[in-house]
Amino acid sequence: MATTIDVALPERSPIDGPRRTGGAETTTQAQNMRLAMAIAIVSVAAHKAQDTFANAELERWALVAATLLIAGSALLVSLERTSRLGVGVFGAAILFYVSQKWMGYHNHGWLAVWTIPVAFLFGSRWWAEETFRWYLRMTLGVVMLGACAQKLLAGTYLDGSFITYLSLLGSNTEQMFGFLCADLEAGPCLAHKALGTFLMAWQAVVGILLIAGFRHLWFLIVEVAFLLGAGLYADEMNFQVLNIALFCMAFGYGMPVRLAALCMPLLVLDVINISEIIGYVL
């Protein structure tokens, strides 16, 4: 009589991300993927909220309506039955918003345009499509390498002058590394040069690993921690939460509820302005 041996596969593959059986997603993983998409959309809505009152005062009601649709689509994408509809609503709203303000649309905002609406093309179960995750990894990888190239060409990260400038004249959070130099007015010190070089090198490494398809869970954890720190430093938490959500989807793990619970209050603080809050407390 034939004997069968059941071999338990690990839940995660160091290179390929979460392991799936026959392409099937676990219920928790599917929920986490949709939650990551919802948080990504909320981050966009949080950024648009800062302009909502100005748009209302100028009677730009179409832009106000687009902002409300973006916010509402976050709830739709979190639910399995309406997830694709939510992505479609977001896509239509954000494209309309961009069409009205494309000449002055910020660079960070384009990342949401390039990534989130694309999920609509992958059907009602977009979160289960490996091709969508591959697209996110390639897009994020190219963006990271592009950001590194921009810093390299500018030269202000390699020589530390940008870090020193922020330490002198930046917001409260941007001045946090000022203590590394004894005399900021004398120019960049070795510590600021080293920090600027590290930041540039880190983006290059992350970009290369993403394009190479490396998806180890610890890589994701370290990058999430780095992005949270960057959001606090630059006082642009809405953009970094968007990045975190996209990374969580690109790696295939989705966003755990605890991480989402951390990101939501950070987005609220970002709308209020983290730097101003710190200045008021101090």
Protein backbone atom coordinates (compact mmCIF):
# COMPACT_ATOMS: atom_id res chain seq x y z
CA MET A 1 0.00 0.00 0.00
CA ALA A 2 1.37 3.40 -0.98
CA THR A 3 2.35 5.73 1.79
CA THR A 4 2.01 9.47 1.44
CA ILE A 5 4.10 11.97 3.32
CA ASP A 6 2.78 15.45 3.95
CA VAL A 7 5.50 18.09 3.88
CA ALA A 8 4.64 21.37 5.57
CA LEU A 9 5.78 24.29 3.47
CA PRO A 10 6.93 27.45 5.19
CA GLU A 11 4.43 30.29 5.22
CA ARG A 12 6.89 32.62 3.53
CA SER A 13 9.57 32.28 0.93
CA PRO A 14 12.63 34.50 1.56
CA ILE A 15 12.80 35.60 -2.07
CA ASP A 16 9.27 35.23 -3.38
CA GLY A 17 7.31 36.73 -0.48
CA PRO A 18 4.30 34.97 1.10
CA ARG A 19 3.92 31.39 -0.04
CA ARG A 20 0.59 30.47 -1.60
CA THR A 21 -0.86 27.08 -2.41
CA GLY A 22 -1.98 26.83 -6.01
CA GLY A 23 -2.09 30.60 -6.29
CA ALA A 24 -4.77 30.88 -3.61
CA GLU A 25 -4.68 33.68 -1.09
CA THR A 26 -5.48 33.19 2.57
CA THR A 27 -8.44 35.17 3.86
CA THR A 28 -6.24 37.26 6.15
CA GLN A 29 -3.75 38.00 3.39
CA ALA A 30 -6.51 39.08 1.02
CA GLN A 31 -7.98 41.34 3.69
CA ASN A 32 -4.56 42.83 4.42
CA MET A 33 -3.99 43.52 0.73
CA ARG A 34 -7.30 45.38 0.48
CA LEU A 35 -6.54 47.21 3.73
CA ALA A 36 -3.20 48.33 2.30
CA MET A 37 -4.99 49.71 -0.76
CA ALA A 38 -7.50 51.50 1.48
CA ILE A 39 -4.72 53.10 3.54
CA ALA A 40 -2.94 54.16 0.35
CA ILE A 41 -6.10 55.94 -0.78
CA VAL A 42 -6.65 57.50 2.65
CA SER A 43 -3.11 58.93 2.47
CA VAL A 44 -4.01 60.61 -0.83
CA ALA A 45 -7.26 61.92 0.65
CA ALA A 46 -5.36 63.27 3.67
CA HIS A 47 -3.10 65.25 1.38
CA LYS A 48 -6.03 66.57 -0.66
CA ALA A 49 -7.86 67.53 2.56
CA GLN A 50 -5.29 70.28 3.10
CA ASP A 51 -6.57 71.98 -0.07
CA THR A 52 -10.27 71.27 0.41
CA PHE A 53 -11.13 74.44 2.33
CA ALA A 54 -9.21 76.58 -0.17
CA ASN A 55 -11.04 74.90 -3.04
CA ALA A 56 -14.37 75.53 -1.29
CA GLU A 57 -13.56 79.20 -0.71
CA LEU A 58 -12.72 79.55 -4.40
CA GLU A 59 -15.91 77.64 -5.27
CA ARG A 60 -14.02 74.86 -6.99
CA TRP A 61 -16.80 72.45 -6.12
CA ALA A 62 -15.73 69.85 -8.65
CA LEU A 63 -12.38 69.49 -6.88
CA VAL A 64 -14.13 69.28 -3.51
CA ALA A 65 -16.38 66.53 -4.91
CA ALA A 66 -13.35 64.70 -6.31
CA THR A 67 -11.70 64.81 -2.88
CA LEU A 68 -14.82 63.37 -1.24
CA LEU A 69 -14.98 60.60 -3.86
CA ILE A 70 -11.32 59.75 -3.21
CA ALA A 71 -12.02 59.49 0.52
CA GLY A 72 -15.15 57.42 -0.03
CA SER A 73 -13.41 55.00 -2.38
CA ALA A 74 -11.17 53.88 0.50
CA LEU A 75 -14.15 52.19 2.16
CA LEU A 76 -15.21 50.54 -1.10
CA VAL A 77 -11.78 49.01 -1.80
CA SER A 78 -11.60 47.48 1.67
CA LEU A 79 -14.65 45.29 0.96
CA GLU A 80 -14.29 42.26 -1.28
CA ARG A 81 -17.47 42.77 -3.30
CA THR A 82 -16.88 46.46 -4.03
CA SER A 83 -13.09 46.56 -4.09
CA ARG A 84 -12.70 46.90 -7.85
CA LEU A 85 -15.48 49.50 -7.95
CA GLY A 86 -13.60 51.47 -5.29
CA VAL A 87 -10.43 51.41 -7.36
CA GLY A 88 -12.42 52.61 -10.36
CA VAL A 89 -13.98 55.47 -8.38
CA PHE A 90 -10.56 56.49 -7.08
CA GLY A 91 -9.07 56.33 -10.56
CA ALA A 92 -11.79 58.53 -12.08
CA ALA A 93 -11.60 61.04 -9.22
CA ILE A 94 -7.81 61.33 -9.11
CA LEU A 95 -7.52 61.63 -12.88
CA PHE A 96 -10.09 64.42 -12.86
CA TYR A 97 -8.23 66.14 -10.01
CA VAL A 98 -4.94 65.90 -11.90
CA SER A 99 -6.52 67.17 -15.13
CA GLN A 100 -7.54 70.36 -13.30
CA LYS A 101 -4.19 70.97 -11.61
CA TRP A 102 -1.68 69.04 -13.71
CA MET A 103 0.69 71.98 -14.26
CA GLY A 104 1.25 72.37 -10.53
CA TYR A 105 0.68 68.78 -9.43
CA HIS A 106 3.34 67.70 -6.96
CA ASN A 107 5.81 64.93 -7.83
CA HIS A 108 4.76 62.74 -4.92
CA GLY A 109 1.14 62.80 -6.05
CA TRP A 110 2.00 61.19 -9.36
CA LEU A 111 3.04 57.98 -7.60
CA ALA A 112 -0.59 57.36 -6.60
CA VAL A 113 -1.69 58.02 -10.17
CA TRP A 114 0.83 55.52 -11.56
CA THR A 115 0.00 52.73 -9.13
CA ILE A 116 -3.45 52.60 -7.53
CA PRO A 117 -5.76 52.89 -10.61
CA VAL A 118 -3.81 50.12 -12.38
CA ALA A 119 -5.35 47.57 -10.01
CA PHE A 120 -8.67 48.04 -11.85
CA LEU A 121 -7.17 46.30 -14.88
CA PHE A 122 -6.69 43.08 -12.91
CA GLY A 123 -10.33 42.32 -12.24
CA SER A 124 -12.47 41.87 -9.16
CA ARG A 125 -9.67 39.99 -7.33
CA TRP A 126 -6.82 42.34 -8.15
CA TRP A 127 -5.16 41.61 -4.79
CA ALA A 128 -4.51 38.00 -5.87
CA GLU A 129 -2.74 38.93 -9.10
CA GLU A 130 1.02 38.48 -9.00
CA THR A 131 1.39 40.61 -12.14
CA PHE A 132 -0.04 43.59 -10.27
CA ARG A 133 2.48 43.07 -7.47
CA TRP A 134 5.26 42.82 -10.04
CA TYR A 135 4.10 46.09 -11.58
CA LEU A 136 4.20 47.79 -8.16
CA ARG A 137 7.71 46.49 -7.48
CA MET A 138 9.00 47.66 -10.85
CA THR A 139 7.38 51.09 -10.44
CA LEU A 140 8.68 51.57 -6.91
CA GLY A 141 12.11 50.32 -7.96
CA VAL A 142 12.34 52.79 -10.85
CA VAL A 143 11.13 55.62 -8.59
CA MET A 144 13.77 54.77 -5.99
CA LEU A 145 16.54 54.69 -8.58
CA GLY A 146 15.26 57.93 -10.08
CA ALA A 147 15.29 59.62 -6.68
CA CYS A 148 18.84 58.39 -6.12
CA ALA A 149 19.93 59.68 -9.53
CA GLN A 150 18.39 63.09 -8.82
CA LYS A 151 20.31 63.34 -5.54
CA LEU A 152 23.50 62.20 -7.24
CA LEU A 153 23.19 64.81 -10.00
CA ALA A 154 22.35 67.59 -7.55
CA GLY A 155 25.38 66.73 -5.44
CA THR A 156 23.89 68.33 -2.33
CA TYR A 157 23.47 64.99 -0.54
CA LEU A 158 27.01 63.78 -1.25
CA ASP A 159 28.57 66.97 0.08
CA GLY A 160 26.10 67.16 2.98
CA SER A 161 25.04 70.72 2.16
CA PHE A 162 21.32 69.87 1.89
CA ILE A 163 21.26 68.25 5.35
CA THR A 164 23.11 71.25 6.77
CA TYR A 165 20.72 73.66 5.06
CA LEU A 166 17.71 71.87 6.57
CA SER A 167 19.41 71.78 9.97
CA LEU A 168 19.74 75.56 9.84
CA LEU A 169 16.58 76.72 8.08
CA GLY A 170 14.25 73.72 7.89
CA SER A 171 11.18 72.96 9.96
CA ASN A 172 11.43 71.69 13.53
CA THR A 173 11.63 68.06 12.44
CA GLU A 174 14.09 68.81 9.63
CA GLN A 175 16.49 70.30 12.15
CA MET A 176 16.77 67.06 14.14
CA PHE A 177 20.24 66.22 12.78
CA GLY A 178 21.70 69.63 13.52
CA PHE A 179 23.36 68.30 16.67
CA LEU A 180 25.70 66.18 14.56
CA CYS A 181 27.73 69.25 13.57
CA ALA A 182 29.45 71.50 16.10
CA ASP A 183 29.16 74.60 13.88
CA LEU A 184 26.44 74.52 11.24
CA GLU A 185 27.30 77.94 9.85
CA ALA A 186 30.80 76.73 9.03
CA GLY A 187 29.37 74.40 6.39
CA PRO A 188 28.68 70.66 6.09
CA CYS A 189 30.52 68.46 8.56
CA LEU A 190 31.60 64.86 8.02
CA ALA A 191 28.50 63.51 9.78
CA HIS A 192 26.15 65.35 7.41
CA LYS A 193 28.13 64.16 4.40
CA ALA A 194 27.92 60.59 5.68
CA LEU A 195 24.17 60.90 6.35
CA GLY A 196 23.46 62.35 2.91
CA THR A 197 25.51 59.62 1.23
CA PHE A 198 23.73 56.92 3.24
CA LEU A 199 20.27 58.20 2.30
CA MET A 200 21.21 58.24 -1.37
CA ALA A 201 22.81 54.79 -1.23
CA TRP A 202 19.82 53.34 0.62
CA GLN A 203 17.45 54.40 -2.15
CA ALA A 204 19.72 52.81 -4.74
CA VAL A 205 19.91 49.52 -2.84
CA VAL A 206 16.14 49.39 -2.29
CA GLY A 207 15.49 50.16 -5.96
CA ILE A 208 17.85 47.41 -7.15
CA LEU A 209 16.40 44.82 -4.74
CA LEU A 210 12.84 45.65 -5.79
CA ILE A 211 13.61 45.25 -9.47
CA ALA A 212 15.51 42.03 -8.73
CA GLY A 213 12.38 40.64 -7.08
CA PHE A 214 13.73 40.33 -3.54
CA ARG A 215 10.79 40.23 -1.09
CA HIS A 216 12.06 39.02 2.25
CA LEU A 217 9.77 39.99 5.12
CA TRP A 218 12.63 41.57 7.08
CA PHE A 219 13.47 43.75 4.09
CA LEU A 220 9.90 45.04 4.18
CA ILE A 221 10.01 45.64 7.95
CA VAL A 222 13.25 47.63 7.72
CA GLU A 223 11.96 49.70 4.80
CA VAL A 224 8.69 50.46 6.63
CA ALA A 225 10.67 51.66 9.65
CA PHE A 226 12.88 53.78 7.36
CA LEU A 227 9.85 55.35 5.65
CA LEU A 228 8.21 56.18 8.98
CA GLY A 229 11.40 57.92 10.05
CA ALA A 230 11.62 59.78 6.75
CA GLY A 231 8.01 60.91 7.09
CA LEU A 232 8.69 62.32 10.54
CA TYR A 233 11.92 64.01 9.43
CA ALA A 234 10.53 65.65 6.29
CA ASP A 235 7.06 66.27 7.78
CA GLU A 236 5.44 64.50 4.82
CA MET A 237 3.83 61.52 6.50
CA ASN A 238 1.01 61.27 3.95
CA PHE A 239 3.51 60.46 1.20
CA GLN A 240 5.43 57.97 3.31
CA VAL A 241 2.23 56.19 4.37
CA LEU A 242 1.40 55.90 0.67
CA ASN A 243 4.82 54.35 0.09
CA ILE A 244 4.38 51.96 3.02
CA ALA A 245 1.00 50.79 1.73
CA LEU A 246 2.37 50.28 -1.79
CA PHE A 247 5.36 48.34 -0.45
CA CYS A 248 3.05 46.11 1.59
CA MET A 249 1.07 45.29 -1.56
CA ALA A 250 4.15 44.93 -3.76
CA PHE A 251 5.65 42.38 -1.38
CA GLY A 252 2.38 40.46 -1.27
CA TYR A 253 1.91 40.54 2.50
CA GLY A 254 -0.62 43.34 2.65
CA MET A 255 -0.90 45.68 5.62
CA PRO A 256 -1.57 44.19 9.08
CA VAL A 257 -4.29 45.87 11.12
CA ARG A 258 -1.75 47.00 13.73
CA LEU A 259 0.32 48.82 11.10
CA ALA A 260 -2.82 50.44 9.68
CA ALA A 261 -3.78 51.51 13.21
CA LEU A 262 -0.38 53.22 13.48
CA CYS A 263 -0.64 54.93 10.10
CA MET A 264 -4.11 56.43 10.57
CA PRO A 265 -3.29 58.75 13.51
CA LEU A 266 -0.04 59.71 11.78
CA LEU A 267 -2.06 60.89 8.80
CA VAL A 268 -4.28 62.96 11.10
CA LEU A 269 -1.21 64.53 12.69
CA ASP A 270 0.21 65.20 9.24
CA VAL A 271 -2.91 67.14 8.22
CA ILE A 272 -2.54 69.26 11.36
CA ASN A 273 1.22 69.58 10.67
CA ILE A 274 3.62 67.52 12.77
CA SER A 275 6.30 70.23 12.79
CA GLU A 276 3.89 72.82 14.16
CA ILE A 277 2.72 70.42 16.88
CA ILE A 278 6.30 69.81 17.98
CA GLY A 279 7.01 73.56 17.93
CA TYR A 280 3.95 74.20 20.10
CA VAL A 281 4.94 71.51 22.61
CA LEU A 282 8.51 72.74 22.82
